């Protein structure tokens, strides 16, 4: 395991080290990866959860790389919403602007702290893991959060972070947060 700038461990994506034991941000790089990538840093956030650790990491990485930051929230619609407008009215036009305002509010202080980073926030509709993997195809790095949970059964990583770790072609930063 290698440490970069004392901030994040670099672990080959084939590592069997348990994700729940990572105390700080960990950047996973595919063993068959193409090396340094160009493109934006992508951060997947949930506007309903604390995201300070994840956003700090993402803004710092974008600043170090001299590139933009794309902060993404993916709204998962309930199953009945896929029945179509004949059965259920399309709620996306009503939901997306409200969530976009929440995302913009979340980014305001970070943009002030990192004025050199061109940070954009966008709201997508669909599966968070599928959308983040899709967007990460052109990214230099994709960052996702992992809640620090304590359980008698041990910690575990969430489904979105797990899917992005295993399906993204870009390096993946997993950032623990409360």
Foldseek 3Di string as FASTA:
>chain_A
DDDDPNAEAEDELVDPPAPLPDPFKYKYAHPPAPPFADDAEEEEDALVDDCVQQLVVRLVVCVVVLAAYEYEYEAEDDPVLVVDCVRPNNCCVVPFVVVLVSVCVVCPVVCVVRVSHHYDYGYHYDDLQVVQQVVLQRHSEYEYEFENDDDPVGDHGDPSLVSCSVRHSHIYMYGYDD
